[in-house]
Amino acid sequence: MIEIKHKKSGAVLYQTDAASLRGIAISGVDLSGADLAQADLSGCRFASCNLSGADFQGATLSGCHFTNCALREADFRDAKILNSNLSDNVLHLADFSNATVDNSQFRHCKMNGAVCARGSFQRVDFSFAEMHCNFNHANLQHANLYGCDLASSDFTHSDLRSANMTG
């Protein structure tokens, strides 16, 4: 049995009989403040979940899919997000510092105030996202920023080679 606990109180937020969190599907659950740090969440599917304030620090999210989730103030520092889809989610004030995000989709996301400093976002599709973010020293090679609202975003010392910033 696997339990997902609250990062501060230790209260059990979710239980499953699965042997691991890999590939599980969770729908309509309030996981705000969940401790998922260092977890292997490969292949997971989260639908209509509240993951605000969740700790994904150092987690592996490969092939994950988040649908209609609230991820406000979620902590993705040092996480590995590969071939995943986080499109159409709310990621206000999320922290992606030092995260490795590759070949993933963040289309139409709302990421106001997110911190993406020193992160790697290669081949990430941010098209039409609302991104008032800190991208200091970030790697955005081949990123798709088509139609994004980048007002107030900071790209100081960022690598934007081959990034699409049309519109």
Protein backbone atom coordinates (compact mmCIF):
# COMPACT_ATOMS: atom_id res chain seq x y z
CA MET A 1 0.00 0.00 0.00
CA ILE A 2 1.23 3.46 -0.92
CA GLU A 3 0.19 6.60 0.93
CA ILE A 4 0.54 10.20 -0.18
CA LYS A 5 0.91 12.39 2.88
CA HIS A 6 0.76 16.11 3.53
CA LYS A 7 4.27 17.57 3.55
CA LYS A 8 3.81 19.39 6.88
CA SER A 9 1.11 17.68 8.90
CA GLY A 10 1.79 14.11 7.77
CA ALA A 11 -1.94 13.55 7.28
CA VAL A 12 -2.77 10.88 4.70
CA LEU A 13 -4.25 12.53 1.60
CA TYR A 14 -4.50 9.47 -0.63
CA GLN A 15 -4.00 5.70 -0.40
CA THR A 16 -3.66 3.09 -3.11
CA ASP A 17 -3.10 -0.64 -3.10
CA ALA A 18 -0.62 -0.23 -5.97
CA ALA A 19 2.96 -1.31 -5.35
CA SER A 20 4.28 2.09 -6.48
CA LEU A 21 3.09 5.47 -7.72
CA ARG A 22 4.31 4.74 -11.26
CA GLY A 23 1.48 4.80 -13.77
CA ILE A 24 -1.34 5.47 -11.31
CA ALA A 25 -4.35 7.59 -12.27
CA ILE A 26 -5.79 9.96 -9.68
CA SER A 27 -8.92 11.99 -10.38
CA GLY A 28 -10.81 14.61 -8.39
CA VAL A 29 -8.65 14.37 -5.26
CA ASP A 30 -7.47 17.24 -3.06
CA LEU A 31 -3.73 16.67 -2.80
CA SER A 32 -2.87 20.22 -1.78
CA GLY A 33 0.39 20.23 0.14
CA ALA A 34 1.20 16.64 -0.89
CA ASP A 35 4.71 15.33 -0.29
CA LEU A 36 5.78 13.82 -3.62
CA ALA A 37 9.44 14.84 -3.29
CA GLN A 38 11.87 12.39 -4.90
CA ALA A 39 8.93 10.23 -6.07
CA ASP A 40 8.97 8.33 -9.36
CA LEU A 41 5.69 9.44 -10.94
CA SER A 42 6.46 8.11 -14.42
CA GLY A 43 3.31 7.53 -16.43
CA CYS A 44 0.99 9.07 -13.82
CA ARG A 45 -2.25 10.77 -14.76
CA PHE A 46 -3.75 13.48 -12.57
CA ALA A 47 -7.20 14.79 -13.55
CA SER A 48 -9.11 17.59 -11.80
CA CYS A 49 -6.83 17.40 -8.76
CA ASN A 50 -5.82 20.20 -6.44
CA LEU A 51 -2.04 19.90 -6.17
CA SER A 52 -1.50 23.45 -4.93
CA GLY A 53 1.55 23.66 -2.72
CA ALA A 54 2.53 20.07 -3.54
CA ASP A 55 6.21 19.18 -3.22
CA PHE A 56 7.56 17.54 -6.40
CA GLN A 57 11.14 18.50 -5.53
CA GLY A 58 13.55 16.08 -7.19
CA ALA A 59 10.69 13.93 -8.50
CA THR A 60 10.73 12.12 -11.85
CA LEU A 61 7.71 12.94 -13.99
CA SER A 62 8.24 11.07 -17.25
CA GLY A 63 5.25 10.62 -19.50
CA CYS A 64 2.92 12.27 -16.96
CA HIS A 65 -0.33 13.94 -17.85
CA PHE A 66 -2.02 16.64 -15.75
CA THR A 67 -5.56 17.58 -16.84
CA ASN A 68 -7.46 20.50 -15.32
CA CYS A 69 -5.29 20.60 -12.20
CA ALA A 70 -4.44 23.42 -9.82
CA LEU A 71 -0.69 23.48 -9.20
CA ARG A 72 -0.39 26.89 -7.57
CA GLU A 73 2.85 27.27 -5.59
CA ALA A 74 3.85 23.69 -6.44
CA ASP A 75 7.55 23.00 -5.90
CA PHE A 76 9.22 21.38 -8.93
CA ARG A 77 12.79 22.35 -7.99
CA ASP A 78 15.32 19.86 -9.37
CA ALA A 79 12.50 17.73 -10.84
CA LYS A 80 12.86 15.84 -14.12
CA ILE A 81 9.81 16.41 -16.33
CA LEU A 82 10.21 14.49 -19.59
CA ASN A 83 7.67 13.88 -22.37
CA SER A 84 4.88 15.11 -20.12
CA ASN A 85 1.76 17.20 -20.65
CA LEU A 86 0.87 19.98 -18.23
CA SER A 87 -1.22 21.97 -20.73
CA ASP A 88 -4.24 24.00 -19.57
CA ASN A 89 -3.29 23.93 -15.87
CA VAL A 90 -2.82 26.70 -13.33
CA LEU A 91 0.81 26.96 -12.20
CA HIS A 92 0.83 30.43 -10.61
CA LEU A 93 3.90 30.93 -8.37
CA ALA A 94 5.18 27.39 -9.07
CA ASP A 95 8.93 26.92 -8.64
CA PHE A 96 10.81 25.15 -11.46
CA SER A 97 14.29 26.29 -10.34
CA ASN A 98 16.97 23.90 -11.62
CA ALA A 99 14.29 21.61 -13.09
CA THR A 100 15.00 19.64 -16.26
CA VAL A 101 11.97 19.85 -18.53
CA ASP A 102 12.34 18.29 -21.97
CA ASN A 103 9.96 17.64 -24.85
CA SER A 104 6.88 18.51 -22.79
CA GLN A 105 3.74 20.61 -23.28
CA PHE A 106 2.64 23.58 -21.18
CA ARG A 107 0.17 24.99 -23.75
CA HIS A 108 -2.34 27.54 -22.46
CA CYS A 109 -0.95 27.30 -18.89
CA LYS A 110 -1.28 30.16 -16.47
CA MET A 111 2.16 30.55 -14.87
CA ASN A 112 2.12 34.06 -13.41
CA GLY A 113 4.92 34.56 -10.92
CA ALA A 114 6.49 31.16 -11.61
CA VAL A 115 10.22 30.83 -11.02
CA CYS A 116 12.04 28.99 -13.80
CA ALA A 117 15.54 30.28 -13.04
CA ARG A 118 18.44 28.01 -13.96
CA GLY A 119 15.98 25.46 -15.34
CA SER A 120 16.30 23.65 -18.65
CA PHE A 121 13.20 23.84 -20.86
CA GLN A 122 14.44 22.39 -24.14
CA ARG A 123 11.83 21.53 -26.78
CA VAL A 124 9.01 22.63 -24.44
CA ASP A 125 5.79 23.89 -26.02
CA PHE A 126 4.52 26.90 -24.05
CA SER A 127 2.29 28.15 -26.89
CA PHE A 128 -0.41 30.60 -25.79
CA ALA A 129 0.61 30.35 -22.13
CA GLU A 130 0.33 33.27 -19.72
CA MET A 131 3.86 33.45 -18.37
CA HIS A 132 4.95 36.36 -16.22
CA CYS A 133 7.99 34.36 -15.09
CA ASN A 134 11.59 34.57 -13.97
CA PHE A 135 13.69 32.69 -16.56
CA ASN A 136 17.09 34.00 -15.38
CA HIS A 137 19.87 31.73 -16.63
CA ALA A 138 17.34 29.27 -18.09
CA ASN A 139 17.90 27.09 -21.13
CA LEU A 140 15.00 27.53 -23.56
CA GLN A 141 16.61 26.10 -26.68
CA HIS A 142 14.00 25.09 -29.25
CA ALA A 143 11.18 26.15 -26.90
CA ASN A 144 7.90 27.17 -28.51
CA LEU A 145 6.74 30.47 -27.01
CA TYR A 146 4.31 31.21 -29.85
CA GLY A 147 1.51 33.54 -28.78
CA CYS A 148 2.62 33.65 -25.13
CA ASP A 149 1.94 36.57 -22.85
CA LEU A 150 5.48 37.25 -21.65
CA ALA A 151 4.86 40.68 -20.11
CA SER A 152 7.12 41.22 -17.09
CA SER A 153 9.05 37.99 -17.79
CA ASP A 154 12.78 38.12 -17.17
CA PHE A 155 15.05 36.28 -19.61
CA THR A 156 18.35 37.71 -18.32
CA HIS A 157 21.24 35.41 -19.36
CA SER A 158 18.84 32.84 -20.82
CA ASP A 159 19.63 30.70 -23.84
CA LEU A 160 16.88 31.25 -26.41
CA ARG A 161 18.65 29.73 -29.42
CA SER A 162 16.14 28.43 -31.95
CA ALA A 163 13.21 29.37 -29.69
CA ASN A 164 10.00 30.42 -31.43
CA MET A 165 8.87 33.75 -30.01
CA THR A 166 6.42 34.62 -32.81
CA GLY A 167 3.36 36.57 -31.74
